[in-house]
Amino acid sequence: MKVTLKQFFSLGDGRLSTEIGDVYKMLNYIFDMNIYTHQIPTAMRKLQEVNPEWFKEGVSLINLIKSTEDTDDFEHLMKVIDTDYPDFKVELGKVDFEIEFSAGLF
């Protein structure tokens, strides 16, 4: 599954850069399951823990943009991504981990 850098930003940076539905679609694909809202933090922790190469590369690009622009300002970063990276795609992979339904409830 390919997603735009702007969509990936939500996973790679943690700030919602597009609609929440994109986060569900990406996490559902990555974990091959239907993620519920309360499971998102668990899924994100696992994704960061496993840190697959495709995730690492996407985060590195986001960090490079932050460094090059010398800012972490969300609005500025979104403008840069919209202007300079509108067609850049991140190829998501799979993470083999089953998230229990109760994960994130306690």
PDB file of N, CA and C in Angstrom:
ATOM      1  N   MET A   1       0.846  -1.171   0.000  1.00  0.00           N
ATOM      2  CA  MET A   1       0.000   0.000   0.000  1.00  0.00           C
ATOM      3  C   MET A   1       0.894   1.238   0.000  1.00  0.00           C
ATOM      4  N   LYS A   2       0.649   2.119  -0.938  1.00  0.00           N
ATOM      5  CA  LYS A   2       1.402   3.366  -1.012  1.00  0.00           C
ATOM      6  C   LYS A   2       0.541   4.503  -0.491  1.00  0.00           C
ATOM      7  N   VAL A   3       1.170   5.367   0.312  1.00  0.00           N
ATOM      8  CA  VAL A   3       0.489   6.541   0.846  1.00  0.00           C
ATOM      9  C   VAL A   3       1.360   7.766   0.611  1.00  0.00           C
ATOM     10  N   THR A   4       0.734   8.923   0.614  1.00  0.00           N
ATOM     11  CA  THR A   4       1.504  10.149   0.435  1.00  0.00           C
ATOM     12  C   THR A   4       2.327  10.427   1.687  1.00  0.00           C
ATOM     13  N   LEU A   5       3.346  11.238   1.523  1.00  0.00           N
ATOM     14  CA  LEU A   5       4.159  11.627   2.678  1.00  0.00           C
ATOM     15  C   LEU A   5       3.293  12.358   3.703  1.00  0.00           C
ATOM     16  N   LYS A   6       2.326  13.124   3.231  1.00  0.00           N
ATOM     17  CA  LYS A   6       1.444  13.845   4.146  1.00  0.00           C
ATOM     18  C   LYS A   6       0.603  12.871   4.970  1.00  0.00           C
ATOM     19  N   GLN A   7       0.121  11.801   4.353  1.00  0.00           N
ATOM     20  CA  GLN A   7      -0.619  10.790   5.104  1.00  0.00           C
ATOM     21  C   GLN A   7       0.299  10.089   6.094  1.00  0.00           C
ATOM     22  N   PHE A   8       1.490   9.713   5.636  1.00  0.00           N
ATOM     23  CA  PHE A   8       2.449   9.014   6.493  1.00  0.00           C
ATOM     24  C   PHE A   8       2.878   9.875   7.674  1.00  0.00           C
ATOM     25  N   PHE A   9       2.872  11.176   7.516  1.00  0.00           N
ATOM     26  CA  PHE A   9       3.293  12.095   8.576  1.00  0.00           C
ATOM     27  C   PHE A   9       2.562  11.791   9.887  1.00  0.00           C
ATOM     28  N   SER A  10       1.293  11.429   9.803  1.00  0.00           N
ATOM     29  CA  SER A  10       0.524  11.106  11.017  1.00  0.00           C
ATOM     30  C   SER A  10       1.162   9.966  11.789  1.00  0.00           C
ATOM     31  N   LEU A  11       1.660   8.956  11.087  1.00  0.00           N
ATOM     32  CA  LEU A  11       2.333   7.835  11.747  1.00  0.00           C
ATOM     33  C   LEU A  11       3.755   8.195  12.137  1.00  0.00           C
ATOM     34  N   GLY A  12       4.462   8.838  11.224  1.00  0.00           N
ATOM     35  CA  GLY A  12       5.884   9.102  11.420  1.00  0.00           C
ATOM     36  C   GLY A  12       6.189  10.209  12.409  1.00  0.00           C
ATOM     37  N   ASP A  13       5.263  11.150  12.572  1.00  0.00           N
ATOM     38  CA  ASP A  13       5.482  12.274  13.474  1.00  0.00           C
ATOM     39  C   ASP A  13       4.547  12.218  14.680  1.00  0.00           C
ATOM     40  N   GLY A  14       3.361  11.666  14.485  1.00  0.00           N
ATOM     41  CA  GLY A  14       2.406  11.560  15.574  1.00  0.00           C
ATOM     42  C   GLY A  14       1.352  12.648  15.599  1.00  0.00           C
ATOM     43  N   ARG A  15       1.464  13.626  14.702  1.00  0.00           N
ATOM     44  CA  ARG A  15       0.447  14.677  14.611  1.00  0.00           C
ATOM     45  C   ARG A  15      -0.429  14.391  13.403  1.00  0.00           C
ATOM     46  N   LEU A  16      -1.727  14.532  13.572  1.00  0.00           N
ATOM     47  CA  LEU A  16      -2.683  14.203  12.526  1.00  0.00           C
ATOM     48  C   LEU A  16      -2.574  15.193  11.370  1.00  0.00           C
ATOM     49  N   SER A  17      -2.125  14.707  10.229  1.00  0.00           N
ATOM     50  CA  SER A  17      -1.875  15.573   9.076  1.00  0.00           C
ATOM     51  C   SER A  17      -2.963  15.478   8.009  1.00  0.00           C
ATOM     52  N   THR A  18      -3.772  14.441   8.064  1.00  0.00           N
ATOM     53  CA  THR A  18      -4.911  14.285   7.167  1.00  0.00           C
ATOM     54  C   THR A  18      -6.063  13.784   8.023  1.00  0.00           C
ATOM     55  N   GLU A  19      -7.067  13.211   7.421  1.00  0.00           N
ATOM     56  CA  GLU A  19      -8.197  12.752   8.232  1.00  0.00           C
ATOM     57  C   GLU A  19      -7.852  11.472   9.000  1.00  0.00           C
ATOM     58  N   ILE A  20      -8.527  11.272  10.109  1.00  0.00           N
ATOM     59  CA  ILE A  20      -8.271  10.119  10.978  1.00  0.00           C
ATOM     60  C   ILE A  20      -8.513   8.806  10.236  1.00  0.00           C
ATOM     61  N   GLY A  21      -9.391   8.816   9.251  1.00  0.00           N
ATOM     62  CA  GLY A  21      -9.643   7.613   8.462  1.00  0.00           C
ATOM     63  C   GLY A  21      -8.383   7.088   7.798  1.00  0.00           C
ATOM     64  N   ASP A  22      -7.475   7.997   7.427  1.00  0.00           N
ATOM     65  CA  ASP A  22      -6.202   7.572   6.831  1.00  0.00           C
ATOM     66  C   ASP A  22      -5.367   6.783   7.828  1.00  0.00           C
ATOM     67  N   VAL A  23      -5.391   7.197   9.083  1.00  0.00           N
ATOM     68  CA  VAL A  23      -4.635   6.490  10.127  1.00  0.00           C
ATOM     69  C   VAL A  23      -5.181   5.071  10.273  1.00  0.00           C
ATOM     70  N   TYR A  24      -6.502   4.945  10.329  1.00  0.00           N
ATOM     71  CA  TYR A  24      -7.115   3.614  10.433  1.00  0.00           C
ATOM     72  C   TYR A  24      -6.742   2.747   9.232  1.00  0.00           C
ATOM     73  N   LYS A  25      -6.838   3.303   8.021  1.00  0.00           N
ATOM     74  CA  LYS A  25      -6.507   2.532   6.813  1.00  0.00           C
ATOM     75  C   LYS A  25      -5.061   2.044   6.846  1.00  0.00           C
ATOM     76  N   MET A  26      -4.148   2.942   7.229  1.00  0.00           N
ATOM     77  CA  MET A  26      -2.737   2.569   7.257  1.00  0.00           C
ATOM     78  C   MET A  26      -2.478   1.501   8.318  1.00  0.00           C
ATOM     79  N   LEU A  27      -2.975   1.708   9.533  1.00  0.00           N
ATOM     80  CA  LEU A  27      -2.738   0.734  10.603  1.00  0.00           C
ATOM     81  C   LEU A  27      -3.437  -0.589  10.319  1.00  0.00           C
ATOM     82  N   ASN A  28      -4.639  -0.538   9.751  1.00  0.00           N
ATOM     83  CA  ASN A  28      -5.336  -1.774   9.375  1.00  0.00           C
ATOM     84  C   ASN A  28      -4.509  -2.569   8.371  1.00  0.00           C
ATOM     85  N   TYR A  29      -3.916  -1.870   7.409  1.00  0.00           N
ATOM     86  CA  TYR A  29      -3.073  -2.539   6.416  1.00  0.00           C
ATOM     87  C   TYR A  29      -1.806  -3.101   7.075  1.00  0.00           C
ATOM     88  N   ILE A  30      -1.135  -2.275   7.848  1.00  0.00           N
ATOM     89  CA  ILE A  30       0.145  -2.665   8.453  1.00  0.00           C
ATOM     90  C   ILE A  30      -0.014  -3.890   9.344  1.00  0.00           C
ATOM     91  N   PHE A  31      -1.075  -3.916  10.153  1.00  0.00           N
ATOM     92  CA  PHE A  31      -1.275  -5.007  11.100  1.00  0.00           C
ATOM     93  C   PHE A  31      -2.256  -6.059  10.607  1.00  0.00           C
ATOM     94  N   ASP A  32      -2.804  -5.861   9.429  1.00  0.00           N
ATOM     95  CA  ASP A  32      -3.735  -6.803   8.802  1.00  0.00           C
ATOM     96  C   ASP A  32      -4.892  -7.148   9.747  1.00  0.00           C
ATOM     97  N   MET A  33      -5.499  -6.108  10.294  1.00  0.00           N
ATOM     98  CA  MET A  33      -6.644  -6.280  11.184  1.00  0.00           C
ATOM     99  C   MET A  33      -7.420  -4.972  11.224  1.00  0.00           C
ATOM    100  N   ASN A  34      -8.574  -4.986  11.843  1.00  0.00           N
ATOM    101  CA  ASN A  34      -9.357  -3.770  12.023  1.00  0.00           C
ATOM    102  C   ASN A  34      -9.030  -3.166  13.378  1.00  0.00           C
ATOM    103  N   ILE A  35      -8.318  -2.057  13.350  1.00  0.00           N
ATOM    104  CA  ILE A  35      -7.886  -1.367  14.559  1.00  0.00           C
ATOM    105  C   ILE A  35      -9.035  -0.512  15.085  1.00  0.00           C
ATOM    106  N   TYR A  36      -9.257  -0.571  16.392  1.00  0.00           N
ATOM    107  CA  TYR A  36     -10.230   0.300  17.057  1.00  0.00           C
ATOM    108  C   TYR A  36      -9.482   1.487  17.668  1.00  0.00           C
ATOM    109  N   THR A  37     -10.205   2.544  17.931  1.00  0.00           N
ATOM    110  CA  THR A  37      -9.604   3.777  18.436  1.00  0.00           C
ATOM    111  C   THR A  37      -8.702   3.529  19.642  1.00  0.00           C
ATOM    112  N   HIS A  38      -9.168   2.755  20.591  1.00  0.00           N
ATOM    113  CA  HIS A  38      -8.383   2.533  21.811  1.00  0.00           C
ATOM    114  C   HIS A  38      -7.121   1.710  21.550  1.00  0.00           C
ATOM    115  N   GLN A  39      -7.014   1.078  20.375  1.00  0.00           N
ATOM    116  CA  GLN A  39      -5.844   0.262  20.049  1.00  0.00           C
ATOM    117  C   GLN A  39      -4.754   1.053  19.325  1.00  0.00           C
ATOM    118  N   ILE A  40      -5.063   2.263  18.891  1.00  0.00           N
ATOM    119  CA  ILE A  40      -4.088   3.052  18.136  1.00  0.00           C
ATOM    120  C   ILE A  40      -2.788   3.257  18.919  1.00  0.00           C
ATOM    121  N   PRO A  41      -2.825   3.657  20.199  1.00  0.00           N
ATOM    122  CA  PRO A  41      -1.548   3.832  20.914  1.00  0.00           C
ATOM    123  C   PRO A  41      -0.712   2.546  20.975  1.00  0.00           C
ATOM    124  N   THR A  42      -1.363   1.409  21.177  1.00  0.00           N
ATOM    125  CA  THR A  42      -0.641   0.132  21.212  1.00  0.00           C
ATOM    126  C   THR A  42      -0.033  -0.169  19.848  1.00  0.00           C
ATOM    127  N   ALA A  43      -0.801   0.055  18.793  1.00  0.00           N
ATOM    128  CA  ALA A  43      -0.304  -0.186  17.432  1.00  0.00           C
ATOM    129  C   ALA A  43       0.886   0.717  17.134  1.00  0.00           C
ATOM    130  N   MET A  44       0.803   1.975  17.526  1.00  0.00           N
ATOM    131  CA  MET A  44       1.905   2.905  17.266  1.00  0.00           C
ATOM    132  C   MET A  44       3.153   2.518  18.066  1.00  0.00           C
ATOM    133  N   ARG A  45       2.977   2.109  19.319  1.00  0.00           N
ATOM    134  CA  ARG A  45       4.138   1.664  20.106  1.00  0.00           C
ATOM    135  C   ARG A  45       4.811   0.468  19.451  1.00  0.00           C
ATOM    136  N   LYS A  46       4.007  -0.486  18.997  1.00  0.00           N
ATOM    137  CA  LYS A  46       4.567  -1.673  18.367  1.00  0.00           C
ATOM    138  C   LYS A  46       5.272  -1.310  17.064  1.00  0.00           C
ATOM    139  N   LEU A  47       4.668  -0.443  16.272  1.00  0.00           N
ATOM    140  CA  LEU A  47       5.284  -0.015  15.015  1.00  0.00           C
ATOM    141  C   LEU A  47       6.631   0.664  15.272  1.00  0.00           C
ATOM    142  N   GLN A  48       6.690   1.521  16.270  1.00  0.00           N
ATOM    143  CA  GLN A  48       7.949   2.193  16.607  1.00  0.00           C
ATOM    144  C   GLN A  48       8.971   1.214  17.177  1.00  0.00           C
ATOM    145  N   GLU A  49       8.503   0.225  17.928  1.00  0.00           N
ATOM    146  CA  GLU A  49       9.397  -0.783  18.500  1.00  0.00           C
ATOM    147  C   GLU A  49      10.021  -1.644  17.399  1.00  0.00           C
ATOM    148  N   VAL A  50       9.190  -2.126  16.476  1.00  0.00           N
ATOM    149  CA  VAL A  50       9.679  -2.960  15.379  1.00  0.00           C
ATOM    150  C   VAL A  50      10.518  -2.114  14.420  1.00  0.00           C
ATOM    151  N   ASN A  51      10.081  -0.882  14.180  1.00  0.00           N
ATOM    152  CA  ASN A  51      10.802   0.081  13.344  1.00  0.00           C
ATOM    153  C   ASN A  51      11.275  -0.524  12.015  1.00  0.00           C
ATOM    154  N   PRO A  52      10.334  -1.023  11.203  1.00  0.00           N
ATOM    155  CA  PRO A  52      10.731  -1.606   9.914  1.00  0.00           C
ATOM    156  C   PRO A  52      11.408  -0.573   9.020  1.00  0.00           C
ATOM    157  N   GLU A  53      12.164  -1.050   8.085  1.00  0.00           N
ATOM    158  CA  GLU A  53      12.961  -0.171   7.222  1.00  0.00           C
ATOM    159  C   GLU A  53      12.109   0.907   6.552  1.00  0.00           C
ATOM    160  N   TRP A  54      10.955   0.549   6.017  1.00  0.00           N
ATOM    161  CA  TRP A  54      10.098   1.532   5.341  1.00  0.00           C
ATOM    162  C   TRP A  54       9.643   2.626   6.300  1.00  0.00           C
ATOM    163  N   PHE A  55       9.387   2.271   7.565  1.00  0.00           N
ATOM    164  CA  PHE A  55       8.983   3.251   8.572  1.00  0.00           C
ATOM    165  C   PHE A  55      10.165   4.165   8.905  1.00  0.00           C
ATOM    166  N   LYS A  56      11.309   3.546   9.110  1.00  0.00           N
ATOM    167  CA  LYS A  56      12.535   4.281   9.432  1.00  0.00           C
ATOM    168  C   LYS A  56      12.857   5.298   8.343  1.00  0.00           C
ATOM    169  N   GLU A  57      12.723   4.893   7.078  1.00  0.00           N
ATOM    170  CA  GLU A  57      13.028   5.788   5.957  1.00  0.00           C
ATOM    171  C   GLU A  57      12.038   6.953   5.894  1.00  0.00           C
ATOM    172  N   GLY A  58      10.756   6.681   6.136  1.00  0.00           N
ATOM    173  CA  GLY A  58       9.756   7.748   6.132  1.00  0.00           C
ATOM    174  C   GLY A  58       9.996   8.756   7.244  1.00  0.00           C
ATOM    175  N   VAL A  59      10.297   8.261   8.438  1.00  0.00           N
ATOM    176  CA  VAL A  59      10.588   9.134   9.573  1.00  0.00           C
ATOM    177  C   VAL A  59      11.854   9.938   9.297  1.00  0.00           C
ATOM    178  N   SER A  60      12.859   9.311   8.694  1.00  0.00           N
ATOM    179  CA  SER A  60      14.100  10.022   8.363  1.00  0.00           C
ATOM    180  C   SER A  60      13.843  11.178   7.404  1.00  0.00           C
ATOM    181  N   LEU A  61      12.970  10.957   6.419  1.00  0.00           N
ATOM    182  CA  LEU A  61      12.647  12.026   5.480  1.00  0.00           C
ATOM    183  C   LEU A  61      11.932  13.167   6.201  1.00  0.00           C
ATOM    184  N   ILE A  62      10.993  12.846   7.060  1.00  0.00           N
ATOM    185  CA  ILE A  62      10.296  13.887   7.830  1.00  0.00           C
ATOM    186  C   ILE A  62      11.297  14.670   8.681  1.00  0.00           C
ATOM    187  N   ASN A  63      12.217  13.964   9.333  1.00  0.00           N
ATOM    188  CA  ASN A  63      13.228  14.633  10.158  1.00  0.00           C
ATOM    189  C   ASN A  63      14.174  15.478   9.314  1.00  0.00           C
ATOM    190  N   LEU A  64      14.493  15.020   8.114  1.00  0.00           N
ATOM    191  CA  LEU A  64      15.332  15.803   7.208  1.00  0.00           C
ATOM    192  C   LEU A  64      14.631  17.100   6.809  1.00  0.00           C
ATOM    193  N   ILE A  65      13.343  17.011   6.519  1.00  0.00           N
ATOM    194  CA  ILE A  65      12.573  18.214   6.173  1.00  0.00           C
ATOM    195  C   ILE A  65      12.559  19.178   7.356  1.00  0.00           C
ATOM    196  N   LYS A  66      12.339  18.659   8.563  1.00  0.00           N
ATOM    197  CA  LYS A  66      12.349  19.510   9.757  1.00  0.00           C
ATOM    198  C   LYS A  66      13.709  20.193   9.922  1.00  0.00           C
ATOM    199  N   SER A  67      14.763  19.433   9.708  1.00  0.00           N
ATOM    200  CA  SER A  67      16.120  19.963   9.859  1.00  0.00           C
ATOM    201  C   SER A  67      16.430  20.997   8.771  1.00  0.00           C
ATOM    202  N   THR A  68      16.099  20.672   7.541  1.00  0.00           N
ATOM    203  CA  THR A  68      16.355  21.578   6.415  1.00  0.00           C
ATOM    204  C   THR A  68      15.597  22.881   6.576  1.00  0.00           C
ATOM    205  N   GLU A  69      14.351  22.772   7.017  1.00  0.00           N
ATOM    206  CA  GLU A  69      13.508  23.960   7.208  1.00  0.00           C
ATOM    207  C   GLU A  69      13.755  24.636   8.555  1.00  0.00           C
ATOM    208  N   ASP A  70      14.525  23.972   9.415  1.00  0.00           N
ATOM    209  CA  ASP A  70      14.841  24.466  10.750  1.00  0.00           C
ATOM    210  C   ASP A  70      13.578  24.821  11.534  1.00  0.00           C
ATOM    211  N   THR A  71      12.604  23.904  11.476  1.00  0.00           N
ATOM    212  CA  THR A  71      11.355  24.132  12.200  1.00  0.00           C
ATOM    213  C   THR A  71      10.654  22.813  12.491  1.00  0.00           C
ATOM    214  N   ASP A  72       9.840  22.847  13.520  1.00  0.00           N
ATOM    215  CA  ASP A  72       8.940  21.743  13.834  1.00  0.00           C
ATOM    216  C   ASP A  72       7.492  22.248  13.796  1.00  0.00           C
ATOM    217  N   ASP A  73       7.324  23.455  13.234  1.00  0.00           N
ATOM    218  CA  ASP A  73       6.001  24.062  13.146  1.00  0.00           C
ATOM    219  C   ASP A  73       5.137  23.267  12.167  1.00  0.00           C
ATOM    220  N   PHE A  74       4.021  22.776  12.671  1.00  0.00           N
ATOM    221  CA  PHE A  74       3.147  21.898  11.889  1.00  0.00           C
ATOM    222  C   PHE A  74       2.672  22.545  10.590  1.00  0.00           C
ATOM    223  N   GLU A  75       2.141  23.747  10.668  1.00  0.00           N
ATOM    224  CA  GLU A  75       1.613  24.402   9.467  1.00  0.00           C
ATOM    225  C   GLU A  75       2.703  24.602   8.416  1.00  0.00           C
ATOM    226  N   HIS A  76       3.874  25.001   8.852  1.00  0.00           N
ATOM    227  CA  HIS A  76       4.985  25.200   7.913  1.00  0.00           C
ATOM    228  C   HIS A  76       5.373  23.875   7.250  1.00  0.00           C
ATOM    229  N   LEU A  77       5.469  22.822   8.053  1.00  0.00           N
ATOM    230  CA  LEU A  77       5.839  21.515   7.498  1.00  0.00           C
ATOM    231  C   LEU A  77       4.798  21.022   6.494  1.00  0.00           C
ATOM    232  N   MET A  78       3.521  21.248   6.773  1.00  0.00           N
ATOM    233  CA  MET A  78       2.468  20.826   5.839  1.00  0.00           C
ATOM    234  C   MET A  78       2.583  21.583   4.518  1.00  0.00           C
ATOM    235  N   LYS A  79       2.909  22.870   4.580  1.00  0.00           N
ATOM    236  CA  LYS A  79       3.089  23.661   3.351  1.00  0.00           C
ATOM    237  C   LYS A  79       4.273  23.138   2.545  1.00  0.00           C
ATOM    238  N   VAL A  80       5.363  22.823   3.224  1.00  0.00           N
ATOM    239  CA  VAL A  80       6.549  22.294   2.533  1.00  0.00           C
ATOM    240  C   VAL A  80       6.225  20.952   1.884  1.00  0.00           C
ATOM    241  N   ILE A  81       5.552  20.077   2.611  1.00  0.00           N
ATOM    242  CA  ILE A  81       5.202  18.768   2.052  1.00  0.00           C
ATOM    243  C   ILE A  81       4.252  18.931   0.871  1.00  0.00           C
ATOM    244  N   ASP A  82       3.270  19.815   1.002  1.00  0.00           N
ATOM    245  CA  ASP A  82       2.333  20.057  -0.106  1.00  0.00           C
ATOM    246  C   ASP A  82       3.040  20.619  -1.337  1.00  0.00           C
ATOM    247  N   THR A  83       4.006  21.487  -1.113  1.00  0.00           N
ATOM    248  CA  THR A  83       4.700  22.157  -2.218  1.00  0.00           C
ATOM    249  C   THR A  83       5.807  21.312  -2.829  1.00  0.00           C
ATOM    250  N   ASP A  84       6.660  20.740  -1.973  1.00  0.00           N
ATOM    251  CA  ASP A  84       7.868  20.065  -2.457  1.00  0.00           C
ATOM    252  C   ASP A  84       7.745  18.551  -2.589  1.00  0.00           C
ATOM    253  N   TYR A  85       6.757  17.947  -1.941  1.00  0.00           N
ATOM    254  CA  TYR A  85       6.635  16.485  -1.934  1.00  0.00           C
ATOM    255  C   TYR A  85       5.214  16.003  -2.231  1.00  0.00           C
ATOM    256  N   PRO A  86       4.473  16.682  -3.111  1.00  0.00           N
ATOM    257  CA  PRO A  86       3.061  16.305  -3.299  1.00  0.00           C
ATOM    258  C   PRO A  86       2.868  14.904  -3.866  1.00  0.00           C
ATOM    259  N   ASP A  87       3.836  14.420  -4.631  1.00  0.00           N
ATOM    260  CA  ASP A  87       3.702  13.106  -5.266  1.00  0.00           C
ATOM    261  C   ASP A  87       4.572  12.036  -4.627  1.00  0.00           C
ATOM    262  N   PHE A  88       5.259  12.384  -3.541  1.00  0.00           N
ATOM    263  CA  PHE A  88       6.136  11.418  -2.880  1.00  0.00           C
ATOM    264  C   PHE A  88       5.279  10.369  -2.171  1.00  0.00           C
ATOM    265  N   LYS A  89       5.592   9.112  -2.414  1.00  0.00           N
ATOM    266  CA  LYS A  89       4.834   8.007  -1.809  1.00  0.00           C
ATOM    267  C   LYS A  89       5.724   7.196  -0.880  1.00  0.00           C
ATOM    268  N   VAL A  90       5.120   6.737   0.190  1.00  0.00           N
ATOM    269  CA  VAL A  90       5.769   5.813   1.132  1.00  0.00           C
ATOM    270  C   VAL A  90       5.078   4.466   0.958  1.00  0.00           C
ATOM    271  N   GLU A  91       5.863   3.446   0.685  1.00  0.00           N
ATOM    272  CA  GLU A  91       5.335   2.084   0.533  1.00  0.00           C
ATOM    273  C   GLU A  91       5.283   1.437   1.914  1.00  0.00           C
ATOM    274  N   LEU A  92       4.077   1.257   2.418  1.00  0.00           N
ATOM    275  CA  LEU A  92       3.910   0.640   3.733  1.00  0.00           C
ATOM    276  C   LEU A  92       4.145  -0.865   3.644  1.00  0.00           C
ATOM    277  N   GLY A  93       4.650  -1.415   4.700  1.00  0.00           N
ATOM    278  CA  GLY A  93       4.828  -2.857   4.798  1.00  0.00           C
ATOM    279  C   GLY A  93       3.928  -3.419   5.885  1.00  0.00           C
ATOM    280  N   LYS A  94       4.153  -4.647   6.208  1.00  0.00           N
ATOM    281  CA  LYS A  94       3.356  -5.339   7.227  1.00  0.00           C
ATOM    282  C   LYS A  94       4.182  -5.522   8.498  1.00  0.00           C
ATOM    283  N   VAL A  95       3.489  -5.572   9.625  1.00  0.00           N
ATOM    284  CA  VAL A  95       4.099  -5.910  10.900  1.00  0.00           C
ATOM    285  C   VAL A  95       3.296  -7.068  11.454  1.00  0.00           C
ATOM    286  N   ASP A  96       3.985  -8.156  11.748  1.00  0.00           N
ATOM    287  CA  ASP A  96       3.317  -9.362  12.234  1.00  0.00           C
ATOM    288  C   ASP A  96       3.154  -9.270  13.747  1.00  0.00           C
ATOM    289  N   PHE A  97       2.010  -8.777  14.150  1.00  0.00           N
ATOM    290  CA  PHE A  97       1.717  -8.622  15.576  1.00  0.00           C
ATOM    291  C   PHE A  97       0.214  -8.502  15.717  1.00  0.00           C
ATOM    292  N   GLU A  98      -0.373  -9.305  16.576  1.00  0.00           N
ATOM    293  CA  GLU A  98      -1.808  -9.223  16.788  1.00  0.00           C
ATOM    294  C   GLU A  98      -2.080  -8.396  18.032  1.00  0.00           C
ATOM    295  N   ILE A  99      -2.863  -7.360  17.865  1.00  0.00           N
ATOM    296  CA  ILE A  99      -3.210  -6.477  18.962  1.00  0.00           C
ATOM    297  C   ILE A  99      -4.500  -6.982  19.590  1.00  0.00           C
ATOM    298  N   GLU A 100      -4.426  -7.306  20.862  1.00  0.00           N
ATOM    299  CA  GLU A 100      -5.608  -7.792  21.575  1.00  0.00           C
ATOM    300  C   GLU A 100      -6.664  -6.695  21.626  1.00  0.00           C
ATOM    301  N   PHE A 101      -7.930  -7.094  21.609  1.00  0.00           N
ATOM    302  CA  PHE A 101      -9.012  -6.114  21.632  1.00  0.00           C
ATOM    303  C   PHE A 101      -8.915  -5.205  22.850  1.00  0.00           C
ATOM    304  N   SER A 102      -8.527  -5.746  23.981  1.00  0.00           N
ATOM    305  CA  SER A 102      -8.471  -4.954  25.217  1.00  0.00           C
ATOM    306  C   SER A 102      -7.253  -4.054  25.285  1.00  0.00           C
ATOM    307  N   ALA A 103      -6.309  -4.167  24.343  1.00  0.00           N
ATOM    308  CA  ALA A 103      -5.095  -3.354  24.368  1.00  0.00           C
ATOM    309  C   ALA A 103      -5.465  -1.873  24.337  1.00  0.00           C
ATOM    310  N   GLY A 104      -4.926  -1.145  25.270  1.00  0.00           N
ATOM    311  CA  GLY A 104      -5.175   0.288  25.338  1.00  0.00           C
ATOM    312  C   GLY A 104      -6.317   0.665  26.271  1.00  0.00           C
ATOM    313  N   LEU A 105      -7.050  -0.300  26.758  1.00  0.00           N
ATOM    314  CA  LEU A 105      -8.181   0.004  27.641  1.00  0.00           C
ATOM    315  C   LEU A 105      -7.769   0.252  29.077  1.00  0.00           C
ATOM    316  N   PHE A 106      -6.645  -0.295  29.481  1.00  0.00           N
ATOM    317  CA  PHE A 106      -6.245  -0.192  30.883  1.00  0.00           C
ATOM    318  C   PHE A 106      -5.008   0.642  31.049  1.00  0.00           C
TER     319      PHE A 106
END
